[in-house]
Protein backbone atom coordinates (compact mmCIF):
# COMPACT_ATOMS: atom_id res chain seq x y z
CA MET A 1 20.16 -16.70 -11.12
CA LYS A 2 17.61 -18.55 -9.47
CA VAL A 3 14.51 -20.10 -11.03
CA ILE A 4 11.29 -21.87 -10.73
CA LEU A 5 9.86 -23.32 -13.65
CA ILE A 6 5.90 -24.32 -14.44
CA GLU A 7 5.54 -25.93 -17.67
CA ASP A 8 3.63 -29.35 -18.27
CA GLU A 9 5.44 -30.32 -21.59
CA LEU A 10 8.71 -32.59 -20.74
CA PRO A 11 10.02 -31.17 -24.15
CA ALA A 12 9.61 -27.63 -23.53
CA ILE A 13 11.30 -28.16 -20.03
CA GLU A 14 13.99 -29.82 -21.40
CA LYS A 15 14.45 -27.07 -24.05
CA LEU A 16 14.29 -24.66 -21.27
CA GLY A 17 16.96 -26.11 -18.80
CA HIS A 18 18.87 -26.10 -21.69
CA PHE A 19 18.62 -22.98 -22.61
CA LEU A 20 18.85 -21.60 -18.93
CA ASN A 21 22.25 -23.38 -18.25
CA LYS A 22 23.64 -21.58 -22.15
CA TYR A 23 22.63 -18.28 -21.01
CA ASP A 24 23.83 -18.67 -17.37
CA PRO A 25 25.85 -21.61 -16.26
CA GLU A 26 25.47 -20.51 -12.73
CA SER A 27 21.41 -20.44 -12.94
CA ALA A 28 20.08 -23.28 -10.83
CA ILE A 29 16.16 -24.49 -11.68
CA LEU A 30 14.73 -24.66 -7.76
CA GLY A 31 12.05 -26.80 -8.90
CA VAL A 32 9.47 -27.84 -11.51
CA ALA A 33 5.79 -28.06 -11.64
CA SER A 34 3.28 -29.35 -13.86
CA SER A 35 -0.03 -28.33 -12.76
CA ILE A 36 -1.65 -25.68 -10.30
CA ALA A 37 -1.82 -28.46 -7.99
CA GLU A 38 1.64 -29.26 -7.76
CA ALA A 39 2.56 -24.91 -8.62
CA VAL A 40 1.16 -23.90 -5.17
CA PRO A 41 3.07 -25.78 -2.55
CA LEU A 42 6.27 -25.16 -5.17
CA LEU A 43 5.61 -21.76 -5.19
CA SER A 44 4.94 -21.07 -1.09
CA ASN A 45 8.35 -23.23 -0.36
CA TYR A 46 10.82 -21.66 -3.02
CA GLY A 47 9.02 -18.47 -4.68
CA GLU A 48 10.81 -15.85 -1.79
CA GLU A 49 14.19 -17.58 -3.18
CA ALA A 50 13.50 -17.58 -6.66
CA ASP A 51 14.33 -14.65 -8.96
CA LEU A 52 12.37 -15.39 -12.09
CA LEU A 53 9.53 -17.46 -12.79
CA LEU A 54 9.12 -18.80 -16.23
CA VAL A 55 5.31 -20.32 -16.64
CA ASP A 56 3.41 -21.30 -18.96
CA VAL A 57 0.11 -19.82 -19.42
CA GLN A 58 -2.06 -23.10 -19.96
CA LEU A 59 -0.97 -25.90 -17.86
CA GLU A 60 -3.14 -29.24 -17.29
CA ASP A 61 -5.22 -28.43 -15.17
CA GLY A 62 -5.87 -24.53 -15.66
CA LEU A 63 -4.57 -21.51 -16.25
CA SER A 64 -1.27 -20.49 -14.48
CA PHE A 65 -2.87 -17.11 -12.62
CA GLN A 66 -4.77 -19.24 -10.32
CA ALA A 67 -1.35 -20.83 -8.88
CA LEU A 68 0.22 -17.03 -9.01
CA ASP A 69 -3.07 -15.56 -7.11
CA GLN A 70 -2.38 -17.79 -4.44
CA VAL A 71 0.58 -16.99 -3.21
CA SER A 72 1.26 -13.46 -1.47
CA PHE A 73 4.85 -12.30 -2.73
CA PHE A 74 6.12 -10.74 -6.44
CA LYS A 75 8.38 -12.09 -8.62
CA PRO A 76 9.17 -11.20 -11.87
CA VAL A 77 7.35 -13.61 -14.60
CA ILE A 78 8.38 -14.71 -18.24
CA PHE A 79 4.78 -16.94 -19.30
CA ILE A 80 5.11 -19.44 -22.04
CA THR A 81 2.46 -19.79 -24.82
CA ALA A 82 1.55 -21.97 -27.51
CA HIS A 83 -0.31 -19.25 -29.30
CA SER A 84 0.84 -15.98 -30.22
CA GLN A 85 -2.27 -13.88 -30.00
CA TYR A 86 -1.83 -12.39 -27.13
CA ALA A 87 -1.66 -8.68 -26.70
CA LEU A 88 2.13 -8.39 -25.33
CA GLU A 89 3.05 -5.02 -25.40
CA ALA A 90 2.35 -4.79 -21.64
CA PHE A 91 4.53 -7.67 -21.01
CA GLN A 92 7.43 -5.98 -23.35
CA ALA A 93 7.29 -2.65 -22.50
CA ASN A 94 8.48 -3.32 -18.57
CA GLY A 95 11.25 -5.56 -19.48
CA ILE A 96 8.68 -9.07 -18.86
CA ASP A 97 7.96 -11.30 -22.06
CA TYR A 98 6.08 -14.28 -23.64
CA LEU A 99 8.21 -16.83 -25.43
CA VAL A 100 5.61 -18.78 -28.37
CA LYS A 101 6.16 -22.40 -28.55
CA PRO A 102 8.10 -23.77 -30.30
CA ILE A 103 10.63 -21.56 -27.96
CA ARG A 104 13.90 -20.62 -29.82
CA TYR A 105 17.36 -19.49 -28.13
CA ALA A 106 16.92 -15.85 -29.73
CA ALA A 107 13.36 -14.90 -28.29
CA PHE A 108 14.97 -16.79 -24.74
CA GLU A 109 17.79 -14.50 -24.55
CA ALA A 110 16.23 -11.63 -25.21
CA ALA A 111 13.81 -12.31 -22.73
CA LEU A 112 16.21 -13.18 -20.37
CA ASP A 113 17.90 -9.27 -21.42
CA LYS A 114 15.19 -7.57 -20.18
CA PHE A 115 14.67 -9.47 -17.48
CA GLN A 116 17.96 -8.84 -16.16
CA GLN A 117 17.31 -5.13 -17.20
CA LEU A 118 14.44 -4.92 -14.83
CA SER A 119 16.40 -6.60 -12.25
CA GLY A 120 18.77 -3.32 -12.64
CA LYS A 121 16.09 -0.98 -11.60
CA SER A 122 15.52 -2.55 -8.45
CA MET A 123 12.19 -2.31 -7.63
CA ASN A 124 10.46 -1.97 -4.17
CA GLN A 125 7.60 -3.99 -2.59
CA SER A 126 5.19 -1.58 -3.75
CA GLN A 127 6.27 -1.23 -7.00
CA ASN A 128 6.98 -4.79 -7.41
CA LYS A 129 3.61 -5.67 -6.27
CA GLU A 130 2.45 -2.81 -8.82
CA LEU A 131 3.74 -4.83 -11.68
CA TRP A 132 2.52 -8.00 -10.90
CA GLN A 133 -0.85 -6.86 -10.94
CA TYR A 134 -0.67 -5.13 -14.13
CA PHE A 135 1.17 -8.68 -15.62
CA LYS A 136 -1.74 -11.00 -14.05
CA LYS A 137 -3.86 -9.66 -16.30
CA PRO A 138 -4.66 -11.95 -19.23
CA THR A 139 -5.53 -10.29 -22.59
CA TYR A 140 -7.78 -11.70 -25.27
CA LYS A 141 -7.76 -11.40 -29.40
CA GLU A 142 -9.75 -8.37 -30.44
CA ARG A 143 -9.46 -9.40 -34.19
CA PHE A 144 -9.09 -12.28 -36.54
CA MET A 145 -7.73 -12.89 -40.11
CA VAL A 146 -9.79 -14.15 -42.37
CA LYS A 147 -9.28 -15.46 -46.19
CA ILE A 148 -12.03 -14.37 -48.42
CA GLY A 149 -11.00 -15.56 -52.06
CA GLU A 150 -7.70 -13.75 -52.59
CA HIS A 151 -8.60 -11.28 -49.82
CA ILE A 152 -7.52 -11.09 -46.16
CA HIS A 153 -10.01 -9.63 -44.21
CA THR A 154 -9.84 -8.33 -40.71
CA ILE A 155 -12.63 -8.75 -38.49
CA PRO A 156 -13.46 -7.67 -35.11
CA THR A 157 -13.91 -10.03 -32.43
CA GLU A 158 -16.96 -8.43 -31.51
CA SER A 159 -18.77 -8.42 -34.35
CA ILE A 160 -18.68 -12.57 -34.38
CA GLN A 161 -21.69 -14.50 -33.12
CA LEU A 162 -20.21 -17.85 -32.58
CA PHE A 163 -17.85 -20.07 -33.76
CA ASN A 164 -18.31 -23.71 -35.15
CA SER A 165 -16.24 -26.90 -35.30
CA GLU A 166 -17.47 -29.35 -37.83
CA GLY A 167 -14.66 -32.04 -38.49
CA ARG A 168 -11.20 -30.65 -39.09
CA ASN A 169 -12.70 -27.38 -39.85
CA THR A 170 -13.84 -24.30 -37.37
CA TYR A 171 -16.15 -21.53 -38.83
CA LEU A 172 -16.87 -18.17 -37.31
CA PHE A 173 -20.30 -16.56 -37.62
CA LEU A 174 -20.77 -12.97 -38.39
CA GLU A 175 -23.87 -10.69 -37.54
CA ASP A 176 -25.59 -11.09 -41.00
CA GLY A 177 -25.10 -14.85 -40.61
CA LYS A 178 -22.17 -15.05 -43.38
CA ARG A 179 -19.52 -17.89 -42.41
CA LEU A 180 -15.75 -17.91 -42.88
CA ILE A 181 -13.47 -20.56 -41.52
CA THR A 182 -10.48 -20.01 -39.57
CA ASP A 183 -7.22 -21.74 -38.89
CA TYR A 184 -8.05 -22.05 -35.05
CA LYS A 185 -9.30 -24.83 -33.18
CA MET A 186 -11.66 -24.70 -30.10
CA GLU A 187 -9.22 -25.75 -27.39
CA SER A 188 -7.55 -22.40 -28.86
CA LEU A 189 -10.02 -20.07 -29.20
CA GLU A 190 -10.86 -21.09 -25.71
CA GLU A 191 -7.48 -19.70 -24.44
CA ILE A 192 -7.19 -16.04 -26.80
CA LEU A 193 -11.12 -15.23 -25.99
CA ASN A 194 -12.32 -13.48 -23.40
CA PRO A 195 -14.43 -15.70 -21.18
CA THR A 196 -16.75 -13.07 -19.91
CA LYS A 197 -17.90 -12.66 -23.19
CA PHE A 198 -17.48 -16.11 -24.86
CA PHE A 199 -18.43 -19.56 -23.86
CA ARG A 200 -17.95 -23.21 -25.36
CA VAL A 201 -21.50 -24.45 -24.93
CA ASN A 202 -20.36 -28.31 -26.15
CA ARG A 203 -17.39 -29.59 -28.55
CA SER A 204 -18.42 -28.20 -31.12
CA PHE A 205 -20.13 -24.57 -30.16
CA MET A 206 -18.58 -21.39 -28.58
CA ILE A 207 -21.13 -18.59 -28.47
CA HIS A 208 -20.91 -14.74 -28.28
CA LEU A 209 -22.69 -13.17 -24.87
CA ASN A 210 -24.48 -10.73 -27.05
CA ALA A 211 -25.22 -13.17 -29.87
CA ILE A 212 -27.56 -15.44 -27.47
CA LYS A 213 -31.53 -14.72 -28.63
CA ASP A 214 -33.05 -16.62 -25.42
CA VAL A 215 -32.06 -19.69 -24.00
CA LEU A 216 -35.01 -22.69 -23.28
CA VAL A 217 -34.91 -25.80 -21.15
CA TYR A 218 -34.12 -28.61 -23.03
CA SER A 219 -34.34 -32.50 -22.40
CA ASN A 220 -32.88 -34.04 -19.14
CA SER A 221 -31.82 -30.71 -18.13
CA ARG A 222 -30.05 -29.93 -20.42
CA LEU A 223 -30.04 -26.24 -21.86
CA LYS A 224 -31.02 -25.18 -25.49
CA ILE A 225 -29.50 -22.10 -27.09
CA ASN A 226 -31.30 -19.99 -29.73
CA PRO A 227 -28.81 -17.65 -31.49
CA LYS A 228 -29.69 -13.98 -32.84
CA ILE A 229 -28.73 -15.18 -36.33
CA SER A 230 -30.42 -18.12 -38.20
CA PHE A 231 -28.73 -21.02 -37.93
CA LYS A 232 -30.07 -24.39 -38.91
CA GLU A 233 -28.04 -26.69 -36.48
CA GLU A 234 -29.66 -26.72 -33.06
CA ILE A 235 -27.05 -25.40 -30.17
CA ILE A 236 -27.50 -27.98 -26.85
CA VAL A 237 -25.07 -26.67 -23.66
CA SER A 238 -23.46 -29.96 -22.88
CA ARG A 239 -24.92 -31.61 -19.23
CA ASP A 240 -21.53 -31.22 -18.21
CA ARG A 241 -21.68 -27.62 -18.83
CA VAL A 242 -25.02 -26.50 -17.81
CA ASN A 243 -24.22 -25.02 -14.27
CA ARG A 244 -21.21 -23.46 -15.51
CA PHE A 245 -23.36 -21.99 -18.30
CA LYS A 246 -25.68 -20.64 -16.30
CA GLU A 247 -23.17 -18.87 -14.09
CA TRP A 248 -21.83 -16.82 -17.30
CA LEU A 249 -25.02 -16.52 -18.00
CA GLY A 250 -25.54 -14.49 -14.46
CA GLY A 251 -22.02 -12.38 -14.61
CA GLU A 252 -19.86 -14.90 -12.70
CA ASN A 253 -15.92 -15.22 -13.62
CA HIS A 254 -15.67 -18.31 -15.03
CA SER A 255 -12.88 -19.69 -17.71
CA GLY A 256 -15.52 -21.33 -19.93
């Protein structure tokens, strides 16, 4: 089994190499890339030869989908992520899986077993391409669980107006202005939320498109957002995010 590994964390690279050898001593890693910039030439040179791709979702310079979109061949992919909040059913139903960090051998073994089953189906190029087009579509978190007193409630993502980070805590705000604490940090939210709906306007705020009442030109070419809910703190778009924010408002694809 010939494998290409796209991963930006050395401990994960070493662990995956160990797991591969344990699962199949005859396996070979054709190459390792830690960024989109490294992954594109690696895939171009060795992708056709590979049987399987092990790919981290979040790389040091963006999402791995950007690299995979630039190659013309279609290979089975097992994705790796630090977050378990993706909707994985589509991948699991087709024999391709996610490995959630910290990676456990049992999960790795199960994913490789699914790959072997998928390989045995001997899909033609057309079927393989159709399957990959389905795989590469990212899925996003649809609900959050929050604790209110002794009760756990489910909050639909669409009802969340904005997220605000204060110190070590991150809060979500609902349509009625209610503030609830969440376990997620801003960096995690950027990965699990739909970037066409949510935009991180600065280090402390991420806002839903439908939560914006209006946008005002602020000092030094920055922008100020007035949310629909009553909110005491000013929400200012960081200078380095202004252009991307405008593109996002205009409906252009953007990762936030």
